[in-house]
Amino acid sequence: MDDKSALLRSLKIEREPLKPASTPMPRWLLALPVLALLLGLAWWTLRGDTAIAIHTTTARLVGGPGAAPASVLDASGYVVARRQATVSSKLTGKVMELMIEEGSRVQEGQILARIDDTNIRTQLELARSQLDAARAQLTEVQVQLAEAERNLRRTRELAERKLVSQAALDTAQAEVDSQRARLRSTQLNVTVAERGVAVQAQQLEDAIVRAPFTGVITVKNAQPGEMISPLSAGGAGTRTGIGTLVDMESLEVEVDVNENFINRVQDGQQAETTLNAYPDWKIPSTVIAVIPT
């Protein structure tokens, strides 16, 4: 029994005495930090001699001094000439002489080729002969008119003295009127002959092909002995021109812009052109026109 009693006493749990409960903190102490913050904000707001300083800055493109602005649009195109022409004669004929080669520089009015003008020269000589004949006839009529007028004056004097009849006076007057009519007709014939000579002279001038402006021959289309026509009326064997002339002072760049980006391009807009052959050469450019094709 004593052993069991001792064993039971060894299993007994000793309890510590309970501590008295702590006193709770008053609520007004918890409100002190909030009250102090509100008082500080009110004091800062009501101060009249202090303002909040705001520093502003302008946004700039990142880069060194003189850096180029960002590109609005990059596009590829071709260098073309605004002024170029296929040079031809005003009439159909055989090329007798050709004085151009590809790459030749020519000046405005310079002779580039000559067309066969044998028939034109013959027609010109005929027109000149007709003009000479008309002028000779005009001189003859003028002489006959002067003679008729003198005869009319003599007849009128004789008629006043009753030495000739009225019929003779009428005949003299009719002769004068007839010669005056012939004079007007002959003068018109002379004018027509002069214009005929001018036409044939212009035809002779048209047989000479001249440069319409200063530039460079880029294409040579004809050779001496070939037929040339401005309208190509002679069939497949007839050339329409002797070559292509390009004004190198009118070079420009044509660029194809996708319709999604066409709103980025405006007339007069500044641009920069770089050629594939000269990648280090930055050419200042300006948009000439936007063609919505």
C-alpha atoms as a PDB file:
ATOM      1  CA  MET A   1       0.000   0.000   0.000  1.00  0.00           C
ATOM      2  CA  ASP A   2       2.808   2.360   0.828  1.00  0.00           C
ATOM      3  CA  ASP A   3       4.423   1.658  -2.507  1.00  0.00           C
ATOM      4  CA  LYS A   4       1.239   2.371  -4.404  1.00  0.00           C
ATOM      5  CA  SER A   5       0.688   5.542  -2.458  1.00  0.00           C
ATOM      6  CA  ALA A   6       4.188   6.713  -3.290  1.00  0.00           C
ATOM      7  CA  LEU A   7       3.656   5.888  -6.962  1.00  0.00           C
ATOM      8  CA  LEU A   8       0.432   7.889  -7.128  1.00  0.00           C
ATOM      9  CA  ARG A   9       2.120  10.858  -5.472  1.00  0.00           C
ATOM     10  CA  SER A  10       4.867  10.771  -8.130  1.00  0.00           C
ATOM     11  CA  LEU A  11       2.246  11.155 -10.872  1.00  0.00           C
ATOM     12  CA  LYS A  12       0.787  14.326  -9.348  1.00  0.00           C
ATOM     13  CA  ILE A  13       1.143  17.563 -11.461  1.00  0.00           C
ATOM     14  CA  GLU A  14       2.196  20.615  -9.521  1.00  0.00           C
ATOM     15  CA  ARG A  15       0.231  23.776 -10.558  1.00  0.00           C
ATOM     16  CA  GLU A  16       1.771  27.255 -10.416  1.00  0.00           C
ATOM     17  CA  PRO A  17      -0.259  30.025  -8.870  1.00  0.00           C
ATOM     18  CA  LEU A  18      -2.285  32.175 -11.359  1.00  0.00           C
ATOM     19  CA  LYS A  19      -0.893  35.724 -12.208  1.00  0.00           C
ATOM     20  CA  PRO A  20      -3.222  38.634 -11.850  1.00  0.00           C
ATOM     21  CA  ALA A  21      -4.697  39.916 -15.236  1.00  0.00           C
ATOM     22  CA  SER A  22      -3.049  43.036 -16.844  1.00  0.00           C
ATOM     23  CA  THR A  23      -4.911  46.317 -16.862  1.00  0.00           C
ATOM     24  CA  PRO A  24      -6.247  47.267 -20.419  1.00  0.00           C
ATOM     25  CA  MET A  25      -4.802  50.442 -22.185  1.00  0.00           C
ATOM     26  CA  PRO A  26      -7.188  53.395 -22.394  1.00  0.00           C
ATOM     27  CA  ARG A  27      -8.685  54.093 -25.880  1.00  0.00           C
ATOM     28  CA  TRP A  28      -7.769  57.776 -25.877  1.00  0.00           C
ATOM     29  CA  LEU A  29      -4.066  56.793 -25.886  1.00  0.00           C
ATOM     30  CA  LEU A  30      -4.603  54.921 -29.183  1.00  0.00           C
ATOM     31  CA  ALA A  31      -6.077  58.050 -30.803  1.00  0.00           C
ATOM     32  CA  LEU A  32      -3.065  60.223 -29.975  1.00  0.00           C
ATOM     33  CA  PRO A  33      -0.922  59.335 -33.087  1.00  0.00           C
ATOM     34  CA  VAL A  34      -3.865  59.914 -35.461  1.00  0.00           C
ATOM     35  CA  LEU A  35      -4.644  63.261 -33.782  1.00  0.00           C
ATOM     36  CA  ALA A  36      -1.019  64.367 -34.031  1.00  0.00           C
ATOM     37  CA  LEU A  37      -0.964  63.486 -37.811  1.00  0.00           C
ATOM     38  CA  LEU A  38      -4.134  65.484 -38.472  1.00  0.00           C
ATOM     39  CA  LEU A  39      -2.780  68.498 -36.569  1.00  0.00           C
ATOM     40  CA  GLY A  40       0.451  68.366 -38.586  1.00  0.00           C
ATOM     41  CA  LEU A  41      -1.406  68.276 -41.930  1.00  0.00           C
ATOM     42  CA  ALA A  42      -3.623  71.184 -40.877  1.00  0.00           C
ATOM     43  CA  TRP A  43      -0.617  73.257 -39.860  1.00  0.00           C
ATOM     44  CA  TRP A  44       1.186  72.549 -43.169  1.00  0.00           C
ATOM     45  CA  THR A  45      -1.876  73.435 -45.246  1.00  0.00           C
ATOM     46  CA  LEU A  46      -2.636  76.695 -43.391  1.00  0.00           C
ATOM     47  CA  ARG A  47       0.890  78.067 -43.806  1.00  0.00           C
ATOM     48  CA  GLY A  48       0.688  81.043 -46.198  1.00  0.00           C
ATOM     49  CA  ASP A  49       4.392  81.617 -46.814  1.00  0.00           C
ATOM     50  CA  THR A  50       5.291  78.217 -48.228  1.00  0.00           C
ATOM     51  CA  ALA A  51       4.286  76.667 -51.641  1.00  0.00           C
ATOM     52  CA  ILE A  52       5.022  73.288 -53.100  1.00  0.00           C
ATOM     53  CA  ALA A  53       7.878  73.613 -55.604  1.00  0.00           C
ATOM     54  CA  ILE A  54       7.282  71.833 -58.981  1.00  0.00           C
ATOM     55  CA  HIS A  55      10.143  71.388 -61.441  1.00  0.00           C
ATOM     56  CA  THR A  56       9.246  70.932 -65.121  1.00  0.00           C
ATOM     57  CA  THR A  57      11.446  69.699 -67.965  1.00  0.00           C
ATOM     58  CA  THR A  58      11.030  69.324 -71.711  1.00  0.00           C
ATOM     59  CA  ALA A  59      11.163  65.901 -73.272  1.00  0.00           C
ATOM     60  CA  ARG A  60      13.977  65.655 -75.794  1.00  0.00           C
ATOM     61  CA  LEU A  61      15.195  63.011 -78.212  1.00  0.00           C
ATOM     62  CA  VAL A  62      17.917  60.861 -76.697  1.00  0.00           C
ATOM     63  CA  GLY A  63      21.154  61.538 -78.536  1.00  0.00           C
ATOM     64  CA  GLY A  64      24.153  63.781 -78.712  1.00  0.00           C
ATOM     65  CA  PRO A  65      24.237  67.404 -79.826  1.00  0.00           C
ATOM     66  CA  GLY A  66      23.016  67.810 -83.399  1.00  0.00           C
ATOM     67  CA  ALA A  67      21.426  64.398 -83.483  1.00  0.00           C
ATOM     68  CA  ALA A  68      18.957  63.908 -86.343  1.00  0.00           C
ATOM     69  CA  PRO A  69      15.261  63.676 -85.489  1.00  0.00           C
ATOM     70  CA  ALA A  70      13.564  60.332 -85.497  1.00  0.00           C
ATOM     71  CA  SER A  71      12.408  59.073 -88.895  1.00  0.00           C
ATOM     72  CA  VAL A  72       8.696  59.394 -89.587  1.00  0.00           C
ATOM     73  CA  LEU A  73       8.751  57.032 -92.545  1.00  0.00           C
ATOM     74  CA  ASP A  74      11.398  54.987 -94.367  1.00  0.00           C
ATOM     75  CA  ALA A  75      10.696  54.061 -97.986  1.00  0.00           C
ATOM     76  CA  SER A  76      12.583  52.991-101.104  1.00  0.00           C
ATOM     77  CA  GLY A  77      12.277  54.442-104.584  1.00  0.00           C
ATOM     78  CA  TYR A  78      14.081  55.319-107.796  1.00  0.00           C
ATOM     79  CA  VAL A  79      15.929  58.361-109.084  1.00  0.00           C
ATOM     80  CA  VAL A  80      14.148  59.584-112.208  1.00  0.00           C
ATOM     81  CA  ALA A  81      14.105  62.721-114.366  1.00  0.00           C
ATOM     82  CA  ARG A  82      11.026  64.891-114.408  1.00  0.00           C
ATOM     83  CA  ARG A  83      12.003  66.281-117.838  1.00  0.00           C
ATOM     84  CA  GLN A  84      12.848  63.786-120.566  1.00  0.00           C
ATOM     85  CA  ALA A  85      11.831  63.398-124.193  1.00  0.00           C
ATOM     86  CA  THR A  86      12.124  61.068-127.161  1.00  0.00           C
ATOM     87  CA  VAL A  87      13.736  63.279-129.788  1.00  0.00           C
ATOM     88  CA  SER A  88      12.378  62.884-133.325  1.00  0.00           C
ATOM     89  CA  SER A  89      11.949  64.858-136.532  1.00  0.00           C
ATOM     90  CA  LYS A  90       8.749  66.616-137.532  1.00  0.00           C
ATOM     91  CA  LEU A  91       8.576  64.709-140.821  1.00  0.00           C
ATOM     92  CA  THR A  92       9.086  61.213-142.142  1.00  0.00           C
ATOM     93  CA  GLY A  93      12.412  60.557-143.844  1.00  0.00           C
ATOM     94  CA  LYS A  94      15.678  58.668-143.961  1.00  0.00           C
ATOM     95  CA  VAL A  95      18.372  59.436-141.406  1.00  0.00           C
ATOM     96  CA  MET A  96      21.368  60.716-143.364  1.00  0.00           C
ATOM     97  CA  GLU A  97      23.580  61.841-140.505  1.00  0.00           C
ATOM     98  CA  LEU A  98      23.498  61.050-136.778  1.00  0.00           C
ATOM     99  CA  MET A  99      25.699  63.004-134.376  1.00  0.00           C
ATOM    100  CA  ILE A 100      24.863  61.525-130.971  1.00  0.00           C
ATOM    101  CA  GLU A 101      25.987  58.627-128.822  1.00  0.00           C
ATOM    102  CA  GLU A 102      24.704  57.304-125.522  1.00  0.00           C
ATOM    103  CA  GLY A 103      26.061  59.481-122.754  1.00  0.00           C
ATOM    104  CA  SER A 104      26.592  62.507-125.000  1.00  0.00           C
ATOM    105  CA  ARG A 105      25.930  65.889-123.405  1.00  0.00           C
ATOM    106  CA  VAL A 106      24.064  68.262-125.714  1.00  0.00           C
ATOM    107  CA  GLN A 107      22.973  71.883-125.502  1.00  0.00           C
ATOM    108  CA  GLU A 108      19.575  73.307-126.357  1.00  0.00           C
ATOM    109  CA  GLY A 109      19.339  73.874-130.125  1.00  0.00           C
ATOM    110  CA  GLN A 110      22.328  71.662-130.941  1.00  0.00           C
ATOM    111  CA  ILE A 111      22.013  69.606-134.162  1.00  0.00           C
ATOM    112  CA  LEU A 112      21.555  65.918-133.372  1.00  0.00           C
ATOM    113  CA  ALA A 113      20.703  64.441-136.775  1.00  0.00           C
ATOM    114  CA  ARG A 114      19.870  65.292-140.378  1.00  0.00           C
ATOM    115  CA  ILE A 115      17.063  63.763-142.431  1.00  0.00           C
ATOM    116  CA  ASP A 116      17.221  63.288-146.207  1.00  0.00           C
ATOM    117  CA  ASP A 117      16.111  66.641-147.628  1.00  0.00           C
ATOM    118  CA  THR A 118      16.666  66.098-151.376  1.00  0.00           C
ATOM    119  CA  ASN A 119      12.986  66.343-152.288  1.00  0.00           C
ATOM    120  CA  ILE A 120      12.457  69.249-149.921  1.00  0.00           C
ATOM    121  CA  ARG A 121      15.252  71.242-151.545  1.00  0.00           C
ATOM    122  CA  THR A 122      13.717  70.570-154.973  1.00  0.00           C
ATOM    123  CA  GLN A 123      10.331  71.792-153.767  1.00  0.00           C
ATOM    124  CA  LEU A 124      11.979  74.840-152.255  1.00  0.00           C
ATOM    125  CA  GLU A 125      13.665  75.732-155.536  1.00  0.00           C
ATOM    126  CA  LEU A 126      10.345  75.328-157.339  1.00  0.00           C
ATOM    127  CA  ALA A 127       8.611  77.615-154.845  1.00  0.00           C
ATOM    128  CA  ARG A 128      11.317  80.220-155.252  1.00  0.00           C
ATOM    129  CA  SER A 129      10.936  80.083-159.051  1.00  0.00           C
ATOM    130  CA  GLN A 130       7.188  80.556-158.726  1.00  0.00           C
ATOM    131  CA  LEU A 131       7.807  83.534-156.461  1.00  0.00           C
ATOM    132  CA  ASP A 132      10.172  85.078-159.024  1.00  0.00           C
ATOM    133  CA  ALA A 133       7.569  84.591-161.767  1.00  0.00           C
ATOM    134  CA  ALA A 134       4.845  86.175-159.649  1.00  0.00           C
ATOM    135  CA  ARG A 135       7.039  89.162-158.878  1.00  0.00           C
ATOM    136  CA  ALA A 136       7.893  89.597-162.565  1.00  0.00           C
ATOM    137  CA  GLN A 137       4.218  89.486-163.473  1.00  0.00           C
ATOM    138  CA  LEU A 138       3.539  92.050-160.765  1.00  0.00           C
ATOM    139  CA  THR A 139       6.111  94.377-162.285  1.00  0.00           C
ATOM    140  CA  GLU A 140       4.559  93.931-165.731  1.00  0.00           C
ATOM    141  CA  VAL A 141       1.082  94.735-164.420  1.00  0.00           C
ATOM    142  CA  GLN A 142       2.377  97.802-162.618  1.00  0.00           C
ATOM    143  CA  VAL A 143       3.912  99.067-165.889  1.00  0.00           C
ATOM    144  CA  GLN A 144       0.709  98.385-167.837  1.00  0.00           C
ATOM    145  CA  LEU A 145      -1.337 100.160-165.153  1.00  0.00           C
ATOM    146  CA  ALA A 146       0.891 103.225-165.310  1.00  0.00           C
ATOM    147  CA  GLU A 147       0.537 103.301-169.108  1.00  0.00           C
ATOM    148  CA  ALA A 148      -3.259 102.947-168.858  1.00  0.00           C
ATOM    149  CA  GLU A 149      -3.452 105.809-166.355  1.00  0.00           C
ATOM    150  CA  ARG A 150      -1.418 108.099-168.656  1.00  0.00           C
ATOM    151  CA  ASN A 151      -3.643 107.174-171.579  1.00  0.00           C
ATOM    152  CA  LEU A 152      -6.725 107.923-169.460  1.00  0.00           C
ATOM    153  CA  ARG A 153      -5.414 111.392-168.588  1.00  0.00           C
ATOM    154  CA  ARG A 154      -4.741 112.231-172.255  1.00  0.00           C
ATOM    155  CA  THR A 155      -8.130 110.942-173.325  1.00  0.00           C
ATOM    156  CA  ARG A 156      -9.876 112.943-170.620  1.00  0.00           C
ATOM    157  CA  GLU A 157      -8.107 116.151-171.780  1.00  0.00           C
ATOM    158  CA  LEU A 158      -9.102 115.510-175.378  1.00  0.00           C
ATOM    159  CA  ALA A 159     -12.681 114.758-174.350  1.00  0.00           C
ATOM    160  CA  GLU A 160     -12.861 118.079-172.485  1.00  0.00           C
ATOM    161  CA  ARG A 161     -11.890 119.824-175.748  1.00  0.00           C
ATOM    162  CA  LYS A 162     -14.390 117.735-177.679  1.00  0.00           C
ATOM    163  CA  LEU A 163     -11.627 116.096-179.726  1.00  0.00           C
ATOM    164  CA  VAL A 164     -12.525 112.463-178.855  1.00  0.00           C
ATOM    165  CA  SER A 165     -15.788 110.763-178.254  1.00  0.00           C
ATOM    166  CA  GLN A 166     -17.187 109.673-174.909  1.00  0.00           C
ATOM    167  CA  ALA A 167     -16.725 106.057-175.999  1.00  0.00           C
ATOM    168  CA  ALA A 168     -12.959 106.536-176.231  1.00  0.00           C
ATOM    169  CA  LEU A 169     -12.936 108.013-172.708  1.00  0.00           C
ATOM    170  CA  ASP A 170     -14.923 105.061-171.370  1.00  0.00           C
ATOM    171  CA  THR A 171     -12.548 102.608-173.010  1.00  0.00           C
ATOM    172  CA  ALA A 172      -9.532 104.284-171.412  1.00  0.00           C
ATOM    173  CA  GLN A 173     -11.228 104.232-167.999  1.00  0.00           C
ATOM    174  CA  ALA A 174     -12.098 100.539-168.374  1.00  0.00           C
ATOM    175  CA  GLU A 175      -8.471  99.743-169.217  1.00  0.00           C
ATOM    176  CA  VAL A 176      -7.294 101.450-166.042  1.00  0.00           C
ATOM    177  CA  ASP A 177      -9.843  99.577-163.935  1.00  0.00           C
ATOM    178  CA  SER A 178      -8.827  96.279-165.533  1.00  0.00           C
ATOM    179  CA  GLN A 179      -5.140  96.850-164.862  1.00  0.00           C
ATOM    180  CA  ARG A 180      -5.852  97.776-161.239  1.00  0.00           C
ATOM    181  CA  ALA A 181      -7.793  94.522-160.789  1.00  0.00           C
ATOM    182  CA  ARG A 182      -4.906  92.565-162.340  1.00  0.00           C
ATOM    183  CA  LEU A 183      -2.531  94.380-159.984  1.00  0.00           C
ATOM    184  CA  ARG A 184      -4.457  93.270-156.904  1.00  0.00           C
ATOM    185  CA  SER A 185      -4.630  89.691-158.217  1.00  0.00           C
ATOM    186  CA  THR A 186      -0.923  89.638-159.001  1.00  0.00           C
ATOM    187  CA  GLN A 187      -0.083  91.005-155.549  1.00  0.00           C
ATOM    188  CA  LEU A 188      -2.057  88.146-154.000  1.00  0.00           C
ATOM    189  CA  ASN A 189      -0.165  85.673-156.204  1.00  0.00           C
ATOM    190  CA  VAL A 190       3.102  87.096-154.960  1.00  0.00           C
ATOM    191  CA  THR A 191       1.928  86.712-151.345  1.00  0.00           C
ATOM    192  CA  VAL A 192       0.947  83.077-151.979  1.00  0.00           C
ATOM    193  CA  ALA A 193       4.298  82.368-153.601  1.00  0.00           C
ATOM    194  CA  GLU A 194       6.152  83.929-150.667  1.00  0.00           C
ATOM    195  CA  ARG A 195       4.250  81.744-148.222  1.00  0.00           C
ATOM    196  CA  GLY A 196       4.999  78.695-150.359  1.00  0.00           C
ATOM    197  CA  VAL A 197       8.700  79.480-150.104  1.00  0.00           C
ATOM    198  CA  ALA A 198       8.361  79.911-146.322  1.00  0.00           C
ATOM    199  CA  VAL A 199       6.631  76.521-146.021  1.00  0.00           C
ATOM    200  CA  GLN A 200       9.340  74.731-147.988  1.00  0.00           C
ATOM    201  CA  ALA A 201      12.039  76.537-146.006  1.00  0.00           C
ATOM    202  CA  GLN A 202      10.408  75.362-142.779  1.00  0.00           C
ATOM    203  CA  GLN A 203      10.276  71.813-144.160  1.00  0.00           C
ATOM    204  CA  LEU A 204      13.987  72.059-144.852  1.00  0.00           C
ATOM    205  CA  GLU A 205      14.575  73.252-141.286  1.00  0.00           C
ATOM    206  CA  ASP A 206      12.438  70.414-139.920  1.00  0.00           C
ATOM    207  CA  ALA A 207      14.759  67.951-141.631  1.00  0.00           C
ATOM    208  CA  ILE A 208      17.375  68.996-139.063  1.00  0.00           C
ATOM    209  CA  VAL A 209      16.762  67.417-135.644  1.00  0.00           C
ATOM    210  CA  ARG A 210      17.799  69.705-132.800  1.00  0.00           C
ATOM    211  CA  ALA A 211      17.929  69.225-129.030  1.00  0.00           C
ATOM    212  CA  PRO A 212      14.798  70.680-127.392  1.00  0.00           C
ATOM    213  CA  PHE A 213      16.671  71.315-124.130  1.00  0.00           C
ATOM    214  CA  THR A 214      20.054  70.797-122.505  1.00  0.00           C
ATOM    215  CA  GLY A 215      20.650  67.288-121.227  1.00  0.00           C
ATOM    216  CA  VAL A 216      22.242  63.893-121.721  1.00  0.00           C
ATOM    217  CA  ILE A 217      21.439  61.280-124.382  1.00  0.00           C
ATOM    218  CA  THR A 218      20.550  58.111-122.479  1.00  0.00           C
ATOM    219  CA  VAL A 219      19.240  55.949-125.350  1.00  0.00           C
ATOM    220  CA  LYS A 220      20.229  55.901-129.034  1.00  0.00           C
ATOM    221  CA  ASN A 221      17.376  54.444-131.099  1.00  0.00           C
ATOM    222  CA  ALA A 222      18.325  55.033-134.743  1.00  0.00           C
ATOM    223  CA  GLN A 223      21.217  54.590-137.134  1.00  0.00           C
ATOM    224  CA  PRO A 224      22.077  56.342-140.429  1.00  0.00           C
ATOM    225  CA  GLY A 225      20.027  54.881-143.258  1.00  0.00           C
ATOM    226  CA  GLU A 226      16.972  54.026-141.151  1.00  0.00           C
ATOM    227  CA  MET A 227      13.565  55.584-141.718  1.00  0.00           C
ATOM    228  CA  ILE A 228      12.228  57.787-138.954  1.00  0.00           C
ATOM    229  CA  SER A 229       8.731  59.146-138.424  1.00  0.00           C
ATOM    230  CA  PRO A 230       7.096  61.050-135.549  1.00  0.00           C
ATOM    231  CA  LEU A 231       3.893  59.020-136.013  1.00  0.00           C
ATOM    232  CA  SER A 232       5.419  55.632-136.890  1.00  0.00           C
ATOM    233  CA  ALA A 233       3.305  55.520-140.041  1.00  0.00           C
ATOM    234  CA  GLY A 234       5.796  53.451-142.010  1.00  0.00           C
ATOM    235  CA  GLY A 235       5.334  50.138-140.215  1.00  0.00           C
ATOM    236  CA  ALA A 236       7.550  48.109-137.925  1.00  0.00           C
ATOM    237  CA  GLY A 237      10.735  49.147-139.744  1.00  0.00           C
ATOM    238  CA  THR A 238      10.223  52.844-139.021  1.00  0.00           C
ATOM    239  CA  ARG A 239      11.707  54.403-135.887  1.00  0.00           C
ATOM    240  CA  THR A 240       9.708  56.915-133.871  1.00  0.00           C
ATOM    241  CA  GLY A 241      12.767  58.796-132.630  1.00  0.00           C
ATOM    242  CA  ILE A 242      16.511  58.978-132.789  1.00  0.00           C
ATOM    243  CA  GLY A 243      17.070  58.831-129.040  1.00  0.00           C
ATOM    244  CA  THR A 244      16.019  59.784-125.529  1.00  0.00           C
ATOM    245  CA  LEU A 245      17.180  63.065-123.994  1.00  0.00           C
ATOM    246  CA  VAL A 246      17.155  63.531-120.206  1.00  0.00           C
ATOM    247  CA  ASP A 247      17.510  66.791-118.309  1.00  0.00           C
ATOM    248  CA  MET A 248      19.847  65.935-115.441  1.00  0.00           C
ATOM    249  CA  GLU A 249      18.933  69.181-113.672  1.00  0.00           C
ATOM    250  CA  SER A 250      15.401  67.839-113.084  1.00  0.00           C
ATOM    251  CA  LEU A 251      16.297  64.677-111.169  1.00  0.00           C
ATOM    252  CA  GLU A 252      13.922  63.624-108.409  1.00  0.00           C
ATOM    253  CA  VAL A 253      13.128  60.547-106.344  1.00  0.00           C
ATOM    254  CA  GLU A 254       9.892  58.639-106.811  1.00  0.00           C
ATOM    255  CA  VAL A 255       8.922  56.634-103.727  1.00  0.00           C
ATOM    256  CA  ASP A 256       6.067  54.169-103.363  1.00  0.00           C
ATOM    257  CA  VAL A 257       4.385  54.609 -99.968  1.00  0.00           C
ATOM    258  CA  ASN A 258       1.972  52.067 -98.567  1.00  0.00           C
ATOM    259  CA  GLU A 259      -1.543  53.451 -98.185  1.00  0.00           C
ATOM    260  CA  ASN A 260      -1.411  52.734 -94.462  1.00  0.00           C
ATOM    261  CA  PHE A 261       1.364  55.320 -94.038  1.00  0.00           C
ATOM    262  CA  ILE A 262       0.428  57.909 -96.674  1.00  0.00           C
ATOM    263  CA  ASN A 263      -0.949  60.204 -93.959  1.00  0.00           C
ATOM    264  CA  ARG A 264       2.615  60.677 -92.698  1.00  0.00           C
ATOM    265  CA  VAL A 265       3.701  62.426 -95.914  1.00  0.00           C
ATOM    266  CA  GLN A 266       2.803  66.078 -96.628  1.00  0.00           C
ATOM    267  CA  ASP A 267       3.709  68.538 -99.387  1.00  0.00           C
ATOM    268  CA  GLY A 268       6.840  70.514 -98.533  1.00  0.00           C
ATOM    269  CA  GLN A 269       7.875  68.045 -95.828  1.00  0.00           C
ATOM    270  CA  GLN A 270      11.606  67.791 -95.182  1.00  0.00           C
ATOM    271  CA  ALA A 271      13.262  64.479 -96.006  1.00  0.00           C
ATOM    272  CA  GLU A 272      16.663  62.884 -96.404  1.00  0.00           C
ATOM    273  CA  THR A 273      17.738  60.790 -99.377  1.00  0.00           C
ATOM    274  CA  THR A 274      20.503  58.204 -99.417  1.00  0.00           C
ATOM    275  CA  LEU A 275      21.717  56.541-102.607  1.00  0.00           C
ATOM    276  CA  ASN A 276      22.798  52.923-102.616  1.00  0.00           C
ATOM    277  CA  ALA A 277      25.919  53.866-104.555  1.00  0.00           C
ATOM    278  CA  TYR A 278      26.847  56.598-102.045  1.00  0.00           C
ATOM    279  CA  PRO A 279      25.619  55.452 -98.601  1.00  0.00           C
ATOM    280  CA  ASP A 280      27.566  58.174 -96.750  1.00  0.00           C
ATOM    281  CA  TRP A 281      26.034  61.000 -98.799  1.00  0.00           C
ATOM    282  CA  LYS A 282      22.953  62.367 -97.018  1.00  0.00           C
ATOM    283  CA  ILE A 283      21.018  64.484 -99.516  1.00  0.00           C
ATOM    284  CA  PRO A 284      18.613  67.077 -98.008  1.00  0.00           C
ATOM    285  CA  SER A 285      15.296  66.725 -99.842  1.00  0.00           C
ATOM    286  CA  THR A 286      11.771  68.109 -99.866  1.00  0.00           C
ATOM    287  CA  VAL A 287       8.476  66.452-100.762  1.00  0.00           C
ATOM    288  CA  ILE A 288       7.404  67.983-104.094  1.00  0.00           C
ATOM    289  CA  ALA A 289       4.001  66.352-104.436  1.00  0.00           C
ATOM    290  CA  VAL A 290       1.930  63.462-103.153  1.00  0.00           C
ATOM    291  CA  ILE A 291       0.221  61.654-106.035  1.00  0.00           C
ATOM    292  CA  PRO A 292      -2.593  59.391-104.714  1.00  0.00           C
ATOM    293  CA  THR A 293      -2.404  56.688-107.384  1.00  0.00           C
END
